[in-house]
Protein backbone atom coordinates (compact mmCIF):
# COMPACT_ATOMS: atom_id res chain seq x y z
CA MET A 1 0.00 0.00 0.00
CA ARG A 2 1.26 3.48 -0.78
CA SER A 3 2.14 5.48 2.33
CA GLY A 4 -0.27 8.18 3.39
CA GLN A 5 -3.23 6.78 1.44
CA ALA A 6 -6.36 6.28 3.53
CA ARG A 7 -8.69 3.36 3.00
CA PRO A 8 -12.46 3.57 3.31
CA LEU A 9 -13.97 2.21 6.53
CA ALA A 10 -15.38 -0.82 4.69
CA ASP A 11 -11.86 -1.92 3.89
CA THR A 12 -10.08 -1.20 7.17
CA MET A 13 -10.40 -4.78 8.37
CA ILE A 14 -8.17 -6.16 5.62
CA HIS A 15 -4.93 -4.23 6.05
CA PHE A 16 -3.15 -7.38 7.22
CA ASP A 17 -3.52 -8.73 3.67
CA ALA A 18 -0.88 -6.22 2.61
CA TYR A 19 1.63 -8.18 4.65
CA ASN A 20 0.43 -11.52 3.32
CA ILE A 21 -0.68 -12.64 6.79
CA ARG A 22 -3.51 -15.11 6.45
CA LEU A 23 -5.04 -17.74 8.69
CA ASP A 24 -6.15 -20.80 6.73
CA THR A 25 -8.85 -22.87 8.40
CA PRO A 26 -9.64 -26.38 7.21
CA THR A 27 -12.94 -26.74 5.42
CA SER A 28 -14.91 -29.75 4.32
CA CYS A 29 -16.10 -27.81 1.30
CA ASP A 30 -15.22 -29.37 -2.05
CA LYS A 31 -14.11 -26.09 -3.56
CA TYR A 32 -14.28 -25.22 -7.21
CA PRO A 33 -10.66 -25.16 -8.49
CA ALA A 34 -10.62 -21.45 -9.35
CA LYS A 35 -6.94 -20.89 -8.54
CA GLN A 36 -5.93 -23.85 -10.70
CA HIS A 37 -8.02 -22.40 -13.53
CA ALA A 38 -6.42 -18.97 -13.13
CA ARG A 39 -2.95 -20.47 -13.42
CA ARG A 40 -4.02 -22.45 -16.47
CA VAL A 41 -5.31 -19.30 -18.17
CA ALA A 42 -2.07 -17.44 -17.38
CA GLN A 43 -0.14 -20.30 -18.94
CA LYS A 44 -2.29 -20.11 -22.07
CA LEU A 45 -1.73 -16.36 -22.15
CA GLY A 46 2.02 -16.95 -22.06
CA ALA A 47 2.29 -14.02 -19.63
CA SER A 48 4.48 -13.81 -16.53
CA GLN A 49 2.96 -10.55 -15.34
CA GLY A 50 -0.17 -8.48 -15.74
CA LEU A 51 -3.62 -8.32 -14.16
CA ILE A 52 -6.70 -10.22 -15.29
CA PHE A 53 -9.93 -8.39 -14.46
CA LEU A 54 -13.41 -9.89 -14.90
CA SER A 55 -16.85 -8.67 -13.90
CA GLY A 56 -19.57 -11.08 -12.90
CA GLN A 57 -23.19 -10.76 -13.96
CA PRO A 58 -24.80 -7.68 -12.41
CA THR A 59 -28.36 -7.52 -11.15
CA ILE A 60 -30.45 -6.05 -13.97
CA ASN A 61 -34.15 -5.26 -13.87
CA LEU A 62 -36.47 -6.10 -16.71
CA ARG A 63 -37.33 -3.08 -18.82
CA ASP A 64 -40.22 -1.05 -17.39
CA SER A 65 -40.35 -3.31 -14.36
CA ASP A 66 -39.11 -3.55 -10.80
CA GLN A 67 -38.48 -7.29 -11.29
CA SER A 68 -34.95 -8.45 -11.99
CA ARG A 69 -33.98 -10.68 -14.88
CA PRO A 70 -33.35 -14.32 -14.01
CA PHE A 71 -29.75 -14.50 -12.85
CA ARG A 72 -27.22 -16.45 -14.90
CA GLN A 73 -23.56 -16.03 -14.05
CA ARG A 74 -21.15 -15.04 -16.79
CA ARG A 75 -19.27 -18.20 -17.65
CA TYR A 76 -15.80 -16.70 -18.06
CA PHE A 77 -16.16 -15.13 -14.62
CA TYR A 78 -17.36 -18.39 -13.10
CA TYR A 79 -14.42 -20.29 -14.58
CA LEU A 80 -11.98 -18.15 -12.59
CA SER A 81 -14.06 -17.84 -9.40
CA GLY A 82 -16.61 -20.60 -8.91
CA ALA A 83 -18.88 -17.86 -7.53
CA ASP A 84 -22.48 -18.11 -8.66
CA GLU A 85 -23.43 -14.79 -7.06
CA ALA A 86 -24.56 -11.54 -8.64
CA ASP A 87 -22.63 -8.25 -8.63
CA CYS A 88 -19.15 -9.69 -8.05
CA ALA A 89 -15.78 -9.07 -9.71
CA LEU A 90 -12.32 -10.62 -9.60
CA THR A 91 -8.69 -9.88 -10.29
CA TYR A 92 -5.78 -12.24 -10.81
CA ASP A 93 -2.29 -10.82 -10.42
CA ILE A 94 -0.26 -13.14 -12.64
CA GLU A 95 3.18 -12.31 -11.27
CA ARG A 96 2.14 -12.56 -7.61
CA ASP A 97 -0.21 -15.50 -8.26
CA LEU A 98 -2.97 -13.80 -6.27
CA LEU A 99 -6.65 -14.33 -7.02
CA THR A 100 -9.00 -11.82 -5.39
CA LEU A 101 -12.79 -11.97 -5.33
CA PHE A 102 -14.83 -8.80 -4.79
CA VAL A 103 -18.30 -9.31 -3.29
CA PRO A 104 -21.17 -6.80 -2.90
CA ASP A 105 -21.11 -4.44 0.05
CA PHE A 106 -23.63 -5.13 2.77
CA ASP A 107 -26.99 -3.47 2.05
CA LEU A 108 -29.42 -3.45 5.00
CA HIS A 109 -32.49 -2.73 2.87
CA ARG A 110 -31.69 -5.57 0.49
CA ALA A 111 -30.87 -7.91 3.35
CA ILE A 112 -34.28 -7.31 4.95
CA TRP A 113 -36.17 -7.95 1.72
CA MET A 114 -34.03 -10.55 -0.05
CA GLY A 115 -31.60 -11.85 2.54
CA PRO A 116 -28.01 -10.70 3.01
CA THR A 117 -25.48 -10.93 0.23
CA LEU A 118 -22.40 -13.08 0.60
CA SER A 119 -20.06 -11.91 3.38
CA ARG A 120 -16.28 -11.82 3.07
CA GLU A 121 -15.94 -14.59 5.64
CA GLU A 122 -18.44 -16.86 3.87
CA ALA A 123 -16.81 -16.24 0.50
CA GLN A 124 -13.31 -16.90 1.86
CA ASP A 125 -14.46 -20.26 3.23
CA ARG A 126 -16.49 -21.20 0.16
CA TYR A 127 -14.23 -20.23 -2.74
CA ASP A 128 -10.71 -21.14 -3.81
CA VAL A 129 -9.36 -17.57 -3.80
CA ASP A 130 -6.52 -15.88 -1.96
CA TYR A 131 -8.42 -12.82 -0.77
CA VAL A 132 -11.99 -11.57 -0.58
CA ARG A 133 -12.71 -7.85 -0.62
CA TYR A 134 -15.89 -5.82 -0.61
CA HIS A 135 -16.70 -4.13 -3.90
CA THR A 136 -16.03 -0.70 -2.39
CA SER A 137 -12.31 -1.45 -2.34
CA LEU A 138 -12.09 -2.46 -6.01
CA GLN A 139 -10.99 0.91 -7.40
CA TYR A 140 -8.32 1.23 -4.71
CA GLU A 141 -6.98 -2.26 -5.43
CA LEU A 142 -6.83 -1.50 -9.15
CA GLN A 143 -5.10 1.82 -8.51
CA GLU A 144 -2.56 0.11 -6.26
CA TRP A 145 -1.76 -2.40 -9.01
CA LEU A 146 -1.44 0.45 -11.50
CA ASP A 147 0.96 2.37 -9.24
CA ASP A 148 3.16 -0.70 -8.80
CA ARG A 149 2.86 -1.84 -12.42
CA LYS A 150 6.06 -2.89 -14.13
CA GLN A 151 6.96 -1.91 -17.67
CA GLY A 152 5.13 -4.14 -20.15
CA SER A 153 2.52 -5.30 -17.63
CA GLU A 154 -0.99 -5.20 -19.09
CA LEU A 155 -4.57 -5.26 -17.86
CA TYR A 156 -6.31 -8.24 -19.48
CA LEU A 157 -10.02 -7.86 -20.22
CA ILE A 158 -12.50 -9.83 -22.28
CA HIS A 159 -14.81 -6.93 -23.10
CA GLU A 160 -13.91 -3.26 -23.44
CA SER A 161 -17.19 -2.37 -21.72
CA GLU A 162 -15.80 -3.93 -18.51
CA LYS A 163 -12.85 -1.55 -18.29
CA PRO A 164 -13.10 0.24 -14.93
CA ASN A 165 -14.03 3.90 -15.44
CA THR A 166 -11.70 5.06 -12.69
CA LEU A 167 -8.52 4.02 -14.48
CA PRO A 168 -6.54 6.25 -16.85
CA LYS A 169 -7.52 6.30 -20.49
CA ASP A 170 -3.97 5.47 -21.58
CA LEU A 171 -3.76 2.33 -19.44
CA PRO A 172 -2.28 -0.53 -21.50
CA VAL A 173 -5.34 -2.75 -21.90
CA ASN A 174 -5.15 -6.07 -23.75
CA LEU A 175 -8.54 -7.00 -25.21
CA ALA A 176 -7.26 -9.55 -27.72
CA SER A 177 -5.58 -12.26 -25.67
CA LEU A 178 -7.71 -13.20 -22.67
CA MET A 179 -10.73 -14.73 -24.40
CA PRO A 180 -8.67 -17.07 -26.65
CA ALA A 181 -6.58 -18.10 -23.64
CA MET A 182 -9.68 -18.86 -21.58
CA ASN A 183 -11.28 -20.71 -24.48
CA ALA A 184 -8.21 -22.91 -24.78
CA ALA A 185 -8.17 -23.57 -21.04
CA ARG A 186 -11.88 -24.40 -20.88
CA GLY A 187 -11.65 -26.95 -23.70
CA ILE A 188 -9.96 -29.50 -21.42
CA LYS A 189 -11.96 -30.40 -18.33
CA ASP A 190 -10.35 -31.23 -15.01
CA GLU A 191 -11.58 -33.86 -12.55
CA TYR A 192 -13.91 -31.45 -10.73
CA GLU A 193 -15.55 -30.27 -13.95
CA ILE A 194 -16.05 -33.83 -15.16
CA ARG A 195 -17.80 -34.67 -11.89
CA MET A 196 -20.17 -31.73 -12.40
CA ILE A 197 -21.00 -32.80 -15.97
CA ARG A 198 -21.43 -36.39 -14.79
CA GLU A 199 -23.90 -35.25 -12.11
CA ALA A 200 -25.82 -33.12 -14.62
CA ASN A 201 -26.12 -36.22 -16.79
CA ARG A 202 -27.24 -38.34 -13.84
CA VAL A 203 -30.14 -36.00 -13.10
CA SER A 204 -30.99 -35.72 -16.79
CA GLY A 205 -31.03 -39.50 -17.02
CA LEU A 206 -33.52 -39.70 -14.16
CA ALA A 207 -35.75 -37.11 -15.86
CA HIS A 208 -35.63 -38.88 -19.22
CA ARG A 209 -36.43 -42.23 -17.60
CA LYS A 210 -39.38 -40.77 -15.69
CA ILE A 211 -40.86 -39.50 -18.95
CA LEU A 212 -40.46 -42.90 -20.61
CA GLU A 213 -42.24 -44.49 -17.64
CA SER A 214 -45.11 -41.99 -17.90
CA ILE A 215 -45.40 -41.31 -21.63
CA LYS A 216 -48.42 -43.57 -22.16
CA SER A 217 -50.45 -41.31 -19.86
CA PHE A 218 -49.36 -38.04 -21.50
CA SER A 219 -51.51 -36.31 -24.10
CA ASN A 220 -49.53 -33.10 -24.80
CA GLU A 221 -45.91 -32.03 -25.32
CA SER A 222 -46.30 -29.64 -22.39
CA GLN A 223 -46.62 -32.58 -19.98
CA ILE A 224 -43.26 -33.88 -21.17
CA GLU A 225 -41.60 -30.53 -20.50
CA GLY A 226 -43.31 -30.25 -17.12
CA SER A 227 -42.25 -33.74 -16.07
CA PHE A 228 -38.63 -33.10 -17.04
CA LEU A 229 -38.51 -29.89 -15.02
CA ASP A 230 -40.19 -31.52 -12.05
CA THR A 231 -37.62 -34.31 -11.84
CA CYS A 232 -34.65 -31.99 -12.31
CA ILE A 233 -35.76 -29.46 -9.71
CA SER A 234 -36.72 -32.20 -7.27
CA HIS A 235 -33.17 -33.58 -7.54
CA GLY A 236 -31.46 -30.23 -6.99
CA ALA A 237 -30.93 -29.14 -10.60
CA ARG A 238 -32.98 -25.96 -10.74
CA ASN A 239 -31.59 -24.68 -14.04
CA GLN A 240 -31.68 -26.21 -17.48
CA ALA A 241 -28.64 -26.12 -19.74
CA TYR A 242 -30.88 -24.98 -22.62
CA GLN A 243 -34.51 -24.66 -23.63
CA ILE A 244 -36.26 -28.04 -23.54
CA ILE A 245 -37.23 -29.47 -26.94
CA ALA A 246 -40.24 -31.82 -26.69
CA ALA A 247 -41.10 -32.24 -30.36
CA SER A 248 -43.70 -34.77 -31.45
CA GLY A 249 -44.21 -36.05 -34.98
CA PRO A 250 -43.48 -33.48 -37.71
CA ASN A 251 -42.31 -30.99 -35.07
CA ALA A 252 -39.22 -33.18 -34.64
CA ALA A 253 -38.02 -31.93 -38.03
CA VAL A 254 -37.56 -28.46 -36.47
CA LEU A 255 -34.10 -28.65 -34.92
CA HIS A 256 -34.71 -26.13 -32.13
CA TYR A 257 -38.45 -26.52 -31.69
CA ASP A 258 -39.46 -25.20 -28.26
CA ARG A 259 -43.18 -24.43 -28.31
CA ASN A 260 -43.89 -27.75 -26.58
CA ASN A 261 -47.65 -27.25 -26.65
CA GLU A 262 -49.09 -29.64 -29.25
CA SER A 263 -51.17 -32.76 -28.81
CA LEU A 264 -49.46 -36.16 -28.94
CA HIS A 265 -52.53 -37.69 -30.59
CA LYS A 266 -51.59 -39.93 -33.52
CA LYS A 267 -47.95 -38.83 -33.37
CA PRO A 268 -45.49 -41.63 -34.23
CA LEU A 269 -42.72 -40.47 -31.92
CA VAL A 270 -41.27 -37.75 -29.71
CA CYS A 271 -37.81 -36.22 -30.01
CA LEU A 272 -36.89 -35.01 -26.52
CA ASP A 273 -33.75 -32.88 -26.33
CA ALA A 274 -33.31 -31.83 -22.70
CA GLY A 275 -30.41 -31.55 -20.28
CA ALA A 276 -30.07 -30.39 -16.70
CA GLU A 277 -27.39 -28.06 -15.41
CA TRP A 278 -25.42 -28.83 -12.25
CA ASN A 279 -23.40 -26.07 -10.57
CA CYS A 280 -23.31 -24.16 -13.87
CA TYR A 281 -22.13 -27.22 -15.86
CA ALA A 282 -24.29 -28.53 -18.69
CA SER A 283 -25.51 -31.85 -19.94
CA ASP A 284 -26.93 -32.30 -23.43
CA VAL A 285 -29.12 -35.35 -24.01
CA THR A 286 -31.52 -36.29 -26.81
CA ARG A 287 -33.74 -39.34 -27.03
CA THR A 288 -36.31 -40.20 -29.70
CA PHE A 289 -39.00 -42.69 -28.75
CA PRO A 290 -42.45 -43.98 -29.74
CA LEU A 291 -45.44 -43.45 -27.47
CA THR A 292 -46.31 -47.11 -26.92
CA GLY A 293 -43.01 -48.94 -26.53
CA GLU A 294 -43.27 -50.32 -30.05
CA TRP A 295 -42.26 -48.71 -33.33
CA PRO A 296 -45.54 -47.79 -35.05
CA SER A 297 -44.26 -48.55 -38.56
CA LYS A 298 -41.23 -49.79 -40.45
CA TYR A 299 -40.60 -46.22 -41.59
CA VAL A 300 -40.11 -45.04 -38.01
CA ARG A 301 -38.12 -48.14 -37.01
CA ASP A 302 -35.82 -47.98 -40.01
CA ILE A 303 -34.89 -44.33 -39.48
CA TYR A 304 -34.29 -44.86 -35.76
CA LYS A 305 -32.08 -47.88 -36.43
CA LEU A 306 -30.10 -45.94 -39.02
CA VAL A 307 -29.48 -43.01 -36.65
CA GLU A 308 -28.64 -45.49 -33.90
CA ARG A 309 -26.00 -47.02 -36.15
CA MET A 310 -24.62 -43.58 -37.02
CA GLN A 311 -24.18 -42.85 -33.34
CA GLU A 312 -22.82 -46.23 -32.22
CA GLU A 313 -20.18 -46.43 -34.94
CA THR A 314 -18.91 -42.89 -34.39
CA ILE A 315 -18.83 -43.18 -30.59
CA ARG A 316 -16.89 -46.43 -30.86
CA LEU A 317 -14.04 -44.61 -32.63
CA ILE A 318 -13.68 -41.72 -30.18
CA GLY A 319 -10.28 -41.43 -28.55
CA LYS A 320 -7.31 -39.20 -27.95
CA GLY A 321 -5.78 -38.05 -31.24
CA VAL A 322 -8.90 -38.76 -33.31
CA ARG A 323 -9.99 -36.08 -35.76
CA TYR A 324 -13.59 -35.37 -34.83
CA ARG A 325 -14.38 -34.01 -38.27
CA SER A 326 -13.61 -37.47 -39.65
CA LEU A 327 -16.30 -38.93 -37.40
CA HIS A 328 -18.76 -36.38 -38.77
CA ASP A 329 -17.86 -37.48 -42.30
CA LEU A 330 -18.28 -41.13 -41.29
CA ALA A 331 -21.76 -40.38 -39.94
CA HIS A 332 -22.68 -38.93 -43.34
CA ASP A 333 -21.29 -41.98 -45.12
CA ILE A 334 -23.42 -44.26 -42.93
CA ALA A 335 -26.47 -42.05 -43.54
CA ILE A 336 -25.89 -42.15 -47.30
CA GLU A 337 -25.53 -45.92 -47.29
CA GLY A 338 -28.70 -46.34 -45.23
CA LEU A 339 -30.80 -43.84 -47.16
CA LEU A 340 -29.73 -45.45 -50.44
CA ALA A 341 -30.91 -48.82 -49.10
CA LEU A 342 -34.26 -47.27 -48.14
CA GLY A 343 -34.63 -45.65 -51.56
CA VAL A 344 -34.63 -42.09 -50.21
CA LEU A 345 -31.36 -41.40 -52.02
CA GLN A 346 -30.41 -42.71 -55.42
CA GLY A 347 -27.29 -42.90 -57.57
CA ALA A 348 -23.65 -43.85 -57.00
CA VAL A 349 -22.35 -43.45 -53.45
CA ASP A 350 -19.47 -41.15 -54.39
CA GLU A 351 -21.71 -38.91 -56.50
CA VAL A 352 -24.31 -38.66 -53.75
CA ARG A 353 -21.60 -37.83 -51.22
CA ASP A 354 -20.01 -35.15 -53.40
CA SER A 355 -23.39 -33.58 -54.18
CA GLY A 356 -24.08 -32.88 -50.51
CA ALA A 357 -27.53 -34.49 -50.80
CA SER A 358 -27.22 -36.10 -47.37
CA LYS A 359 -27.15 -32.71 -45.65
CA VAL A 360 -30.77 -32.22 -46.69
CA PHE A 361 -31.52 -34.90 -44.10
CA PHE A 362 -28.56 -34.39 -41.73
CA PRO A 363 -28.07 -30.59 -41.76
CA HIS A 364 -26.05 -30.08 -38.57
CA GLY A 365 -22.70 -31.14 -37.21
CA LEU A 366 -22.13 -34.39 -35.37
CA GLY A 367 -21.47 -32.60 -32.09
CA HIS A 368 -19.73 -29.95 -30.01
CA HIS A 369 -17.97 -29.37 -26.70
CA VAL A 370 -19.97 -29.44 -23.45
CA GLY A 371 -18.99 -27.62 -20.26
CA LEU A 372 -19.98 -24.32 -18.71
CA GLU A 373 -22.04 -23.78 -21.85
CA VAL A 374 -24.04 -26.46 -23.60
CA HIS A 375 -22.14 -25.40 -26.74
CA ASP A 376 -18.91 -24.85 -24.90
CA VAL A 377 -15.85 -22.94 -26.03
CA SER A 378 -12.44 -24.39 -26.88
CA GLU A 379 -9.24 -23.41 -28.62
CA GLY A 380 -10.73 -24.43 -31.96
CA SER A 381 -14.01 -25.88 -33.15
CA ILE A 382 -13.94 -29.68 -33.27
CA MET A 383 -15.98 -29.31 -36.45
CA ALA A 384 -13.27 -27.25 -38.14
CA LEU A 385 -12.54 -28.55 -41.59
CA GLY A 386 -9.18 -29.93 -42.60
CA ALA A 387 -7.78 -30.70 -46.02
CA SER A 388 -10.24 -33.47 -46.88
CA ARG A 389 -12.13 -34.67 -49.90
CA ARG A 390 -15.15 -32.70 -48.68
CA GLN A 391 -13.50 -29.36 -48.10
CA HIS A 392 -16.18 -27.63 -50.17
CA TRP A 393 -18.73 -28.48 -47.48
CA SER A 394 -17.20 -26.00 -45.02
CA SER A 395 -19.84 -23.32 -45.54
CA ASP A 396 -22.71 -25.79 -45.41
CA TYR A 397 -22.23 -27.23 -41.94
CA LEU A 398 -20.98 -25.33 -38.93
CA SER A 399 -19.56 -21.86 -38.79
CA PRO A 400 -16.88 -20.90 -38.17
CA CYS A 401 -14.77 -23.46 -39.99
CA THR A 402 -11.06 -23.15 -40.53
CA LEU A 403 -8.56 -24.98 -42.66
CA SER A 404 -7.22 -26.89 -39.65
CA ALA A 405 -9.08 -29.83 -38.18
CA PRO A 406 -8.21 -30.22 -34.47
CA LEU A 407 -7.77 -33.55 -32.74
CA LEU A 408 -9.61 -34.80 -29.69
CA GLU A 409 -7.63 -34.54 -26.44
CA GLU A 410 -7.93 -36.30 -23.12
CA GLY A 411 -10.31 -34.39 -20.86
CA MET A 412 -12.55 -33.04 -23.61
CA VAL A 413 -16.28 -33.67 -23.27
CA VAL A 414 -18.10 -33.72 -26.60
CA THR A 415 -21.55 -34.64 -27.81
CA VAL A 416 -22.28 -37.21 -30.48
CA GLU A 417 -25.71 -36.36 -31.86
CA PRO A 418 -26.44 -37.66 -35.35
CA GLY A 419 -29.92 -37.08 -36.70
CA LEU A 420 -32.05 -37.59 -39.78
CA TYR A 421 -34.91 -35.19 -40.52
CA PHE A 422 -37.65 -35.01 -43.11
CA SER A 423 -38.53 -31.34 -43.25
CA PRO A 424 -41.01 -30.24 -45.93
CA LEU A 425 -39.21 -26.90 -46.14
CA ALA A 426 -35.82 -28.57 -46.66
CA LEU A 427 -37.22 -30.99 -49.22
CA ASN A 428 -38.94 -28.22 -51.17
CA ASN A 429 -35.72 -26.24 -51.25
CA ALA A 430 -33.74 -29.31 -52.31
CA ARG A 431 -35.95 -29.72 -55.39
CA LYS A 432 -34.34 -26.54 -56.75
CA GLN A 433 -30.75 -27.61 -56.02
CA PRO A 434 -28.29 -29.61 -58.15
CA CYS A 435 -28.43 -32.42 -55.57
CA ALA A 436 -32.14 -32.98 -56.40
CA LYS A 437 -31.33 -35.73 -58.90
CA TYR A 438 -29.92 -37.85 -56.09
CA ILE A 439 -33.10 -37.65 -53.98
CA ASN A 440 -36.21 -39.74 -54.61
CA PHE A 441 -38.75 -37.21 -53.37
CA ASP A 442 -41.69 -39.61 -53.67
CA VAL A 443 -40.02 -41.99 -51.22
CA ALA A 444 -38.80 -39.16 -48.97
CA GLU A 445 -42.37 -37.86 -48.62
CA LYS A 446 -43.35 -41.16 -46.99
CA TYR A 447 -41.14 -40.23 -44.02
CA VAL A 448 -42.35 -36.66 -43.51
CA HIS A 449 -44.91 -37.69 -40.88
CA ILE A 450 -42.02 -38.92 -38.69
CA GLY A 451 -40.46 -35.48 -38.45
CA GLY A 452 -36.98 -36.52 -37.37
CA VAL A 453 -34.87 -38.75 -35.18
CA ARG A 454 -31.90 -37.59 -33.11
CA ILE A 455 -29.91 -39.49 -30.48
CA GLU A 456 -27.35 -37.61 -28.38
CA ASP A 457 -24.86 -38.57 -25.67
CA ASP A 458 -22.08 -36.70 -23.84
CA ILE A 459 -18.73 -38.43 -24.29
CA LEU A 460 -15.58 -37.92 -22.21
CA VAL A 461 -12.30 -38.47 -24.05
CA THR A 462 -10.02 -40.55 -21.81
CA ALA A 463 -6.41 -41.69 -21.93
CA THR A 464 -7.45 -45.04 -23.37
CA GLY A 465 -10.56 -44.17 -25.37
CA TYR A 466 -13.80 -42.72 -24.08
CA GLU A 467 -16.46 -42.85 -21.39
CA ASN A 468 -20.14 -42.25 -22.10
CA LEU A 469 -21.40 -39.93 -19.34
CA THR A 470 -25.03 -40.13 -20.43
CA THR A 471 -27.28 -42.49 -18.46
CA ALA A 472 -30.68 -41.92 -20.12
CA PRO A 473 -32.08 -45.16 -21.62
CA LYS A 474 -31.96 -45.58 -25.38
CA GLY A 475 -32.51 -48.32 -27.93
CA GLU A 476 -34.03 -51.56 -26.65
CA GLU A 477 -33.70 -50.50 -23.01
CA MET A 478 -35.70 -47.37 -23.80
CA LEU A 479 -38.50 -49.39 -25.38
CA ALA A 480 -38.55 -51.78 -22.43
CA VAL A 481 -38.95 -48.87 -20.00
CA ILE A 482 -41.94 -47.55 -21.97
CA ARG A 483 -43.50 -51.03 -21.99
CA GLY A 484 -42.90 -51.33 -18.26
CA SER A 485 -40.71 -54.40 -18.63
CA ALA A 486 -37.42 -52.82 -17.51
């Protein structure tokens, strides 16, 4: 601390921190590894000095209302703090290896109405940080770092809007490096993160199973959504990783259908894409099932079996060093082979493949990372396109795509979610495209009533292969649960 500078009363209790005197008390808390994450990000930055500054999600009221928006912590902030509390901030001094969490100042009025905010003592015990300060002291802490800053030391921010107003305009701010470094760090999950994703999948599995057990008594998509939420909340997972998709019949051809309000009457199947969140970590699970425990027609059965094969064969090949984009290509090859056998596609295999006709029925990528976001960040998209025979597909699948195709690494958690869809809109558009000659539209129309089939699991890449983290029943087990025989 600079001599002669007074601290505000709210901060007078923490002067001993200046001398690095700290009493550590044992805690039984299984703390989020925030300090480990901070060090990992610094390593990815390649910086030996500098200050990382991140703001958490503030409390924001709805427009024209005194009600606040539902709180959802900013994921970059959570990665370096583990704090799922509003109105917080953090700094990480790279050279000194000091992680500091700033919590809201005590507000009596708020405490009476809403309960007190997190105290310094509670936060110090709960979170894996070196120091906890009240928010009032933030500008003084930043100014102290600035006064002691060495030549070449930068302030690392993710967003320019988060730059503290109290700091000089000419402060060397680095807005380019922190986000890529954090993306790279977040792509590989540590043991704690894997446990959170595993627990999210466990709860999701219970919710999916409950719906299979009850589906015969349901009459509307809304009951499916309601049942899923009920199970998740009852088991401690209050938040969903994404909007529930409970799409019956033709609605299943809409990839992100979320109205969930139509009758199940005479629908051949339901595509349920729903995943719970556990301590801010996502699961992503899709199951497609009939309403009676039996496939209502060969059309429905054949498409399910084909998607099942697409998933099983691609999952089986997952491992460290595997190029995920190659698995996506394999899924298309299996889809082409199967749709040719069913008469939906026609022509020579290579010509059909090169025409891109299969993307009329399988229009999305095979999968993505899962973590603090359901579509989690990483150093590079696993769907990035390498120098392959299908390089011209890059603009037709996922964006962004680059000319490098990354490999799977141990600790990544990725989805494998092949699907086949029979969308009237997609089929009508395909009639105008060069690939139309490879599609038998009369046969394809026979599958439109199905809507679509998607099966999705969350897969952990291990040192020796993979582990499927998803526990929701599928295939024959799924049918047995619906029938009540499992």
